[in-house]
Amino acid sequence: MKKDSISVFSKGILVLVSLLLLLTIFFPIWRIELSAPQYPEGLVLQLYAHKIAGDVDIINGLNHYIGMKTLHTDNFIEFTVLPYIIASLAICSLLVCFIKRKKGVIILFGAFLLFGTLSAIDFYKWNYDYGHNLDPNAAIKVPGMAYQPPLLGYKQLLNFGAYSIPDTGGWLLIVSGILLFALFLIETGAVNKLKRTKTINGILPLLLLFLASCSNGKEVPIALNADQCDFCRMTISDGKFGAELITQKGRAYKFDDIACMRNYCKENHTTAVKAYYVHDYNKENVLIPAETAVYLKGGAITSPMHGNTAAFTTAEQTEKANDGLAAETINWDSILKE
């Protein structure tokens, strides 16, 4: 085998990358989800390589009132050229497989990296223009307010929560990029160099920790006197009775009373919840897991929205506090069933 020739394993990876890239053209690459009280099931904007899809007409109608541009596939040159760019990368992946040269892997990975970087920049510029260049004659005008959707993650836009995440095609692109990066490390000998310097042993735990932190449903601190309850719309000001739920997609909904969180769950029963949190009554603005907390209800307890329920970390703390509260001890399941 020639020294510059790639392995059979690498050829298989290149074929797989080519297939993944071709599939990307037929699936939505990105999605922006919008949620608001008047749209409990949410609205979705899907971006394919060649078109805009989803609840486009409804979103355009809403955006008209605040002066945002309406969205039409024909207005974006990207939807014309993007399918050809992705298809070209897929063809190049197959060409490198047949050429069998390591230099081809390096060039292909560089081209993919450049494509990803330019795409992210273009998407950011598109979002910025979309959210800042508003019609001055719009029916609803909020001085100094911009409506730029997030590049990635969650952002509150007036009464709408906007969540920007990869869709099926986006994940196919991400997997393709990871495979090409791994191929780049293998064929350039970087993996062996990392092993010799034991760098992998240091990087891997950090990487695993990062991945775990992205998906563990960790609580998001409540900003007292700033955050608004997602059910009653009152400002959260008391750090002893608040609550929070984290959805499977990572969005945090905050409440000024445990009763508000319970009522929100009843009205939005289709929401996929990953974790519930409640304020520890003995501390100020400290969230603890709702399922393991111990609760007191009624008696001398008075909460903002009259749920009159306080949460404690342990049963011992509950018993001690109840000497002066004369309340009833209940559990989390009982709260959800009220």
Protein backbone atom coordinates (compact mmCIF):
# COMPACT_ATOMS: atom_id res chain seq x y z
CA MET A 1 0.00 0.00 0.00
CA LYS A 2 1.32 3.44 -0.87
CA LYS A 3 2.22 5.66 2.05
CA ASP A 4 -0.12 8.42 0.85
CA SER A 5 -3.06 6.05 0.25
CA ILE A 6 -6.03 6.02 2.61
CA SER A 7 -7.27 2.85 4.32
CA VAL A 8 -10.27 0.73 3.35
CA PHE A 9 -11.96 1.88 6.57
CA SER A 10 -11.53 5.50 5.51
CA LYS A 11 -13.04 4.74 2.11
CA GLY A 12 -16.12 3.32 3.82
CA ILE A 13 -16.44 6.47 5.94
CA LEU A 14 -16.21 8.64 2.83
CA VAL A 15 -19.01 6.70 1.15
CA LEU A 16 -21.12 7.07 4.29
CA VAL A 17 -20.44 10.82 4.43
CA SER A 18 -21.49 11.13 0.80
CA LEU A 19 -24.80 9.37 1.51
CA LEU A 20 -25.47 11.51 4.59
CA LEU A 21 -24.82 14.70 2.63
CA LEU A 22 -27.17 13.64 -0.16
CA LEU A 23 -29.90 12.82 2.37
CA THR A 24 -29.47 16.28 3.89
CA ILE A 25 -30.94 17.84 0.75
CA PHE A 26 -34.29 16.11 1.35
CA PHE A 27 -34.70 16.87 5.06
CA PRO A 28 -35.15 20.17 6.95
CA ILE A 29 -31.74 21.41 8.08
CA TRP A 30 -32.83 23.90 10.74
CA ARG A 31 -35.97 24.73 12.69
CA ILE A 32 -37.10 27.73 14.71
CA GLU A 33 -39.87 26.88 17.17
CA LEU A 34 -42.11 29.62 18.54
CA SER A 35 -44.30 29.22 21.60
CA ALA A 36 -46.75 31.64 23.22
CA PRO A 37 -49.89 31.40 25.39
CA GLN A 38 -52.12 31.93 22.34
CA TYR A 39 -50.32 29.11 20.49
CA PRO A 40 -50.00 26.30 23.08
CA GLU A 41 -49.01 23.77 20.41
CA GLY A 42 -46.37 26.16 19.06
CA LEU A 43 -45.39 27.32 15.59
CA VAL A 44 -42.49 25.93 13.57
CA LEU A 45 -40.36 27.43 10.82
CA GLN A 46 -38.34 24.80 8.93
CA LEU A 47 -35.40 25.60 6.68
CA TYR A 48 -34.62 23.07 3.96
CA ALA A 49 -31.69 23.35 1.57
CA HIS A 50 -34.11 24.52 -1.12
CA LYS A 51 -37.11 26.09 0.63
CA ILE A 52 -38.78 27.53 3.73
CA ALA A 53 -41.54 25.36 5.19
CA GLY A 54 -43.67 24.97 8.28
CA ASP A 55 -46.14 27.54 9.62
CA VAL A 56 -44.80 30.23 7.29
CA ASP A 57 -48.12 31.93 6.51
CA ILE A 58 -49.10 32.26 10.18
CA ILE A 59 -45.65 33.56 11.16
CA ASN A 60 -45.66 36.06 8.28
CA GLY A 61 -49.06 37.30 9.42
CA LEU A 62 -47.84 37.82 12.99
CA ASN A 63 -44.58 39.46 11.91
CA HIS A 64 -46.45 41.94 9.73
CA TYR A 65 -47.82 43.65 12.84
CA ILE A 66 -44.38 44.32 14.32
CA GLY A 67 -42.78 45.38 11.04
CA MET A 68 -40.71 42.29 10.27
CA LYS A 69 -40.20 41.20 6.69
CA THR A 70 -42.32 38.37 5.35
CA LEU A 71 -40.47 35.19 4.48
CA HIS A 72 -40.51 33.80 0.95
CA THR A 73 -38.19 31.18 -0.53
CA ASP A 74 -37.72 33.22 -3.71
CA ASN A 75 -36.20 36.11 -1.72
CA PHE A 76 -33.13 34.10 -0.71
CA ILE A 77 -30.42 33.10 -3.19
CA GLU A 78 -29.20 30.59 -0.60
CA PHE A 79 -32.11 28.25 -1.35
CA THR A 80 -31.02 28.14 -4.98
CA VAL A 81 -27.32 27.42 -4.48
CA LEU A 82 -27.33 25.40 -1.24
CA PRO A 83 -28.54 22.10 -2.74
CA TYR A 84 -25.77 22.29 -5.35
CA ILE A 85 -23.11 23.05 -2.72
CA ILE A 86 -24.17 20.09 -0.56
CA ALA A 87 -24.37 17.80 -3.60
CA SER A 88 -20.89 18.96 -4.66
CA LEU A 89 -19.48 18.05 -1.24
CA ALA A 90 -21.12 14.62 -1.52
CA ILE A 91 -19.58 14.07 -4.97
CA CYS A 92 -16.18 15.27 -3.74
CA SER A 93 -16.38 12.75 -0.90
CA LEU A 94 -16.84 9.95 -3.44
CA LEU A 95 -14.01 11.34 -5.60
CA VAL A 96 -11.62 11.28 -2.64
CA CYS A 97 -12.70 7.67 -2.05
CA PHE A 98 -11.66 6.75 -5.61
CA ILE A 99 -8.52 8.92 -5.66
CA LYS A 100 -7.42 7.29 -2.38
CA ARG A 101 -5.10 10.13 -1.34
CA LYS A 102 -4.72 11.56 2.17
CA LYS A 103 -4.34 15.03 0.71
CA GLY A 104 -7.87 14.67 -0.66
CA VAL A 105 -9.20 14.01 2.86
CA ILE A 106 -7.48 17.15 4.12
CA ILE A 107 -8.89 19.29 1.30
CA LEU A 108 -12.38 17.82 1.73
CA PHE A 109 -12.39 18.46 5.48
CA GLY A 110 -11.15 22.01 4.91
CA ALA A 111 -13.90 22.62 2.34
CA PHE A 112 -16.55 21.27 4.72
CA LEU A 113 -15.21 23.44 7.55
CA LEU A 114 -15.31 26.51 5.30
CA PHE A 115 -18.85 25.65 4.21
CA GLY A 116 -20.02 25.32 7.81
CA THR A 117 -18.37 28.58 8.89
CA LEU A 118 -19.76 30.61 5.99
CA SER A 119 -23.22 29.07 6.48
CA ALA A 120 -23.25 30.06 10.17
CA ILE A 121 -22.15 33.62 9.33
CA ASP A 122 -24.78 33.91 6.61
CA PHE A 123 -27.50 32.57 8.93
CA TYR A 124 -26.51 35.06 11.64
CA LYS A 125 -26.58 37.97 9.16
CA TRP A 126 -29.97 36.80 7.90
CA ASN A 127 -31.31 36.65 11.47
CA TYR A 128 -29.88 40.08 12.27
CA ASP A 129 -31.42 41.71 9.20
CA TYR A 130 -34.70 39.94 9.83
CA GLY A 131 -34.89 41.16 13.43
CA HIS A 132 -33.50 44.70 13.12
CA ASN A 133 -34.66 46.13 9.78
CA LEU A 134 -38.26 46.80 10.74
CA ASP A 135 -41.02 48.69 8.97
CA PRO A 136 -41.33 52.11 10.70
CA ASN A 137 -45.05 52.14 9.88
CA ALA A 138 -45.77 48.86 11.67
CA ALA A 139 -48.93 48.63 13.77
CA ILE A 140 -46.98 47.61 16.87
CA LYS A 141 -43.77 49.49 17.67
CA VAL A 142 -41.64 48.99 20.79
CA PRO A 143 -38.87 51.63 20.97
CA GLY A 144 -35.42 50.04 21.01
CA MET A 145 -36.83 46.54 20.58
CA ALA A 146 -35.27 44.12 18.08
CA TYR A 147 -36.65 40.72 17.14
CA GLN A 148 -33.52 38.86 16.03
CA PRO A 149 -34.08 35.10 16.38
CA PRO A 150 -31.30 33.18 18.16
CA LEU A 151 -28.59 31.54 16.05
CA LEU A 152 -28.74 28.55 18.39
CA GLY A 153 -30.73 27.99 21.55
CA TYR A 154 -33.51 29.94 23.25
CA LYS A 155 -34.47 33.62 23.26
CA GLN A 156 -37.54 35.50 24.48
CA LEU A 157 -39.11 37.80 21.85
CA LEU A 158 -41.99 39.77 23.39
CA ASN A 159 -44.51 37.12 24.48
CA PHE A 160 -42.99 34.50 22.18
CA GLY A 161 -40.28 32.06 23.14
CA ALA A 162 -38.03 31.30 20.15
CA TYR A 163 -35.98 28.09 20.10
CA SER A 164 -33.46 27.62 17.27
CA ILE A 165 -32.08 24.09 16.81
CA PRO A 166 -30.83 21.72 14.10
CA ASP A 167 -33.49 19.61 12.39
CA THR A 168 -33.00 16.17 10.81
CA GLY A 169 -30.86 17.48 7.94
CA GLY A 170 -28.82 19.58 10.34
CA TRP A 171 -27.97 16.54 12.44
CA LEU A 172 -26.98 14.68 9.28
CA LEU A 173 -24.58 17.54 8.49
CA ILE A 174 -23.21 17.49 12.04
CA VAL A 175 -22.59 13.73 11.88
CA SER A 176 -20.92 14.19 8.48
CA GLY A 177 -18.64 16.85 9.94
CA ILE A 178 -17.72 14.66 12.92
CA LEU A 179 -16.91 11.73 10.62
CA LEU A 180 -14.75 13.92 8.38
CA PHE A 181 -12.95 15.35 11.42
CA ALA A 182 -12.26 11.83 12.71
CA LEU A 183 -11.04 10.84 9.25
CA PHE A 184 -8.79 13.90 9.16
CA LEU A 185 -7.23 12.94 12.51
CA ILE A 186 -6.72 9.33 11.44
CA GLU A 187 -5.25 9.96 8.00
CA THR A 188 -2.94 12.80 9.09
CA GLY A 189 -1.59 10.72 11.99
CA ALA A 190 -2.88 13.22 14.54
CA VAL A 191 -4.55 10.43 16.54
CA ASN A 192 -1.21 8.68 17.11
CA LYS A 193 0.41 11.95 18.11
CA LEU A 194 -2.37 12.63 20.60
CA LYS A 195 -1.96 9.15 22.05
CA ARG A 196 1.77 9.65 22.48
CA THR A 197 1.27 12.91 24.33
CA LYS A 198 -1.66 11.48 26.31
CA THR A 199 -3.75 14.48 25.28
CA ILE A 200 -6.80 12.32 24.65
CA ASN A 201 -6.79 11.18 28.28
CA GLY A 202 -7.16 14.80 29.33
CA ILE A 203 -9.61 15.89 26.66
CA LEU A 204 -12.05 12.97 26.80
CA PRO A 205 -13.28 13.50 30.40
CA LEU A 206 -13.81 17.19 29.68
CA LEU A 207 -15.73 16.36 26.51
CA LEU A 208 -17.93 13.85 28.33
CA LEU A 209 -18.55 16.37 31.11
CA PHE A 210 -19.54 18.99 28.53
CA LEU A 211 -21.93 16.62 26.77
CA ALA A 212 -23.49 15.64 30.07
CA SER A 213 -23.96 19.27 31.10
CA CYS A 214 -25.79 19.97 27.84
CA SER A 215 -28.46 17.40 28.51
CA ASN A 216 -28.93 16.97 32.26
CA GLY A 217 -31.90 19.32 32.65
CA LYS A 218 -30.07 21.48 35.19
CA GLU A 219 -32.05 24.29 36.78
CA VAL A 220 -31.79 27.84 35.44
CA PRO A 221 -31.50 30.53 38.17
CA ILE A 222 -34.60 32.71 38.59
CA ALA A 223 -33.89 36.45 38.45
CA LEU A 224 -36.09 37.90 41.19
CA ASN A 225 -37.94 41.12 40.34
CA ALA A 226 -37.02 40.59 36.67
CA ASP A 227 -38.29 37.22 35.44
CA GLN A 228 -41.98 36.84 34.69
CA CYS A 229 -44.16 33.88 35.65
CA ASP A 230 -44.95 31.83 32.55
CA PHE A 231 -48.48 31.15 33.79
CA CYS A 232 -49.93 34.20 35.57
CA ARG A 233 -47.51 36.72 33.96
CA MET A 234 -46.72 38.35 37.30
CA THR A 235 -43.12 39.33 38.09
CA ILE A 236 -41.42 36.75 40.32
CA SER A 237 -40.41 38.57 43.50
CA ASP A 238 -40.50 35.99 46.31
CA GLY A 239 -37.55 33.59 46.51
CA LYS A 240 -39.31 31.04 48.74
CA PHE A 241 -42.32 29.92 46.69
CA GLY A 242 -41.17 29.94 43.05
CA ALA A 243 -40.86 26.96 40.74
CA GLU A 244 -39.40 25.97 37.39
CA LEU A 245 -39.71 23.24 34.81
CA ILE A 246 -37.18 22.26 32.14
CA THR A 247 -38.49 20.75 28.91
CA GLN A 248 -36.85 17.89 27.03
CA LYS A 249 -35.53 20.49 24.58
CA GLY A 250 -33.86 22.44 27.37
CA ARG A 251 -36.20 25.41 27.69
CA ALA A 252 -36.88 26.75 31.20
CA TYR A 253 -40.37 27.86 32.25
CA LYS A 254 -40.41 29.89 35.47
CA PHE A 255 -43.25 30.41 37.95
CA ASP A 256 -43.87 32.59 41.00
CA ASP A 257 -45.85 29.87 42.78
CA ILE A 258 -45.84 26.07 42.79
CA ALA A 259 -49.56 26.28 42.00
CA CYS A 260 -48.76 28.23 38.82
CA MET A 261 -46.44 25.45 37.65
CA ARG A 262 -49.09 22.82 38.41
CA ASN A 263 -51.77 24.79 36.54
CA TYR A 264 -49.42 25.38 33.61
CA CYS A 265 -48.79 21.64 33.34
CA LYS A 266 -52.53 20.94 33.35
CA GLU A 267 -53.14 23.41 30.51
CA ASN A 268 -50.09 22.27 28.53
CA HIS A 269 -50.16 18.54 29.19
CA THR A 270 -48.43 17.79 25.86
CA THR A 271 -45.26 19.58 26.98
CA ALA A 272 -42.45 17.04 27.41
CA VAL A 273 -40.96 17.84 30.82
CA LYS A 274 -37.45 16.75 31.73
CA ALA A 275 -37.21 18.14 35.28
CA TYR A 276 -39.19 20.08 37.89
CA TYR A 277 -37.67 22.42 40.47
CA VAL A 278 -39.09 24.35 43.42
CA HIS A 279 -37.73 26.99 45.78
CA ASP A 280 -36.34 25.77 49.09
CA TYR A 281 -38.44 27.57 51.72
CA ASN A 282 -35.52 27.71 54.17
CA LYS A 283 -33.29 29.53 51.68
CA GLU A 284 -33.63 32.54 49.40
CA ASN A 285 -34.00 31.82 45.69
CA VAL A 286 -32.45 28.35 45.78
CA LEU A 287 -34.04 25.72 43.52
CA ILE A 288 -34.18 22.05 44.52
CA PRO A 289 -35.57 18.98 42.64
CA ALA A 290 -39.34 18.90 43.06
CA GLU A 291 -39.67 15.11 43.12
CA THR A 292 -37.42 14.67 46.17
CA ALA A 293 -38.63 17.71 48.12
CA VAL A 294 -40.99 17.47 51.12
CA TYR A 295 -43.94 19.87 51.21
CA LEU A 296 -46.15 21.71 53.67
CA LYS A 297 -49.50 23.14 52.58
CA GLY A 298 -51.96 25.50 54.23
CA GLY A 299 -51.81 26.68 57.83
CA ALA A 300 -49.87 29.93 58.18
CA ILE A 301 -48.21 29.54 54.75
CA THR A 302 -49.15 32.30 52.31
CA SER A 303 -47.68 32.19 48.80
CA PRO A 304 -47.97 34.81 46.01
CA MET A 305 -50.78 33.12 44.03
CA HIS A 306 -52.39 31.41 47.04
CA GLY A 307 -51.08 27.94 46.32
CA ASN A 308 -49.86 28.16 49.93
CA THR A 309 -47.33 25.37 49.49
CA ALA A 310 -43.74 25.44 50.76
CA ALA A 311 -40.95 23.01 49.81
CA PHE A 312 -38.14 21.68 52.00
CA THR A 313 -35.09 19.55 51.30
CA THR A 314 -35.62 17.03 54.12
CA ALA A 315 -38.42 15.70 56.31
CA GLU A 316 -36.53 16.93 59.40
CA GLN A 317 -36.60 20.51 58.09
CA THR A 318 -40.31 20.14 57.37
CA GLU A 319 -41.09 18.97 60.91
CA LYS A 320 -39.08 21.79 62.44
CA ALA A 321 -40.74 24.45 60.29
CA ASN A 322 -44.22 23.04 60.88
CA ASP A 323 -44.05 23.81 64.60
CA GLY A 324 -44.94 27.39 63.76
CA LEU A 325 -46.86 26.89 60.52
CA ALA A 326 -49.44 24.27 61.50
CA ALA A 327 -49.60 23.02 57.91
CA GLU A 328 -50.35 19.68 56.28
CA THR A 329 -47.51 17.48 54.99
CA ILE A 330 -47.95 16.44 51.34
CA ASN A 331 -45.80 14.96 48.56
CA TRP A 332 -45.08 15.90 44.95
CA ASP A 333 -47.57 13.45 43.45
CA SER A 334 -50.35 14.98 45.53
CA ILE A 335 -49.49 18.44 44.22
CA LEU A 336 -49.65 17.33 40.60
CA LYS A 337 -53.05 15.68 41.16
CA GLU A 338 -54.69 18.72 42.79
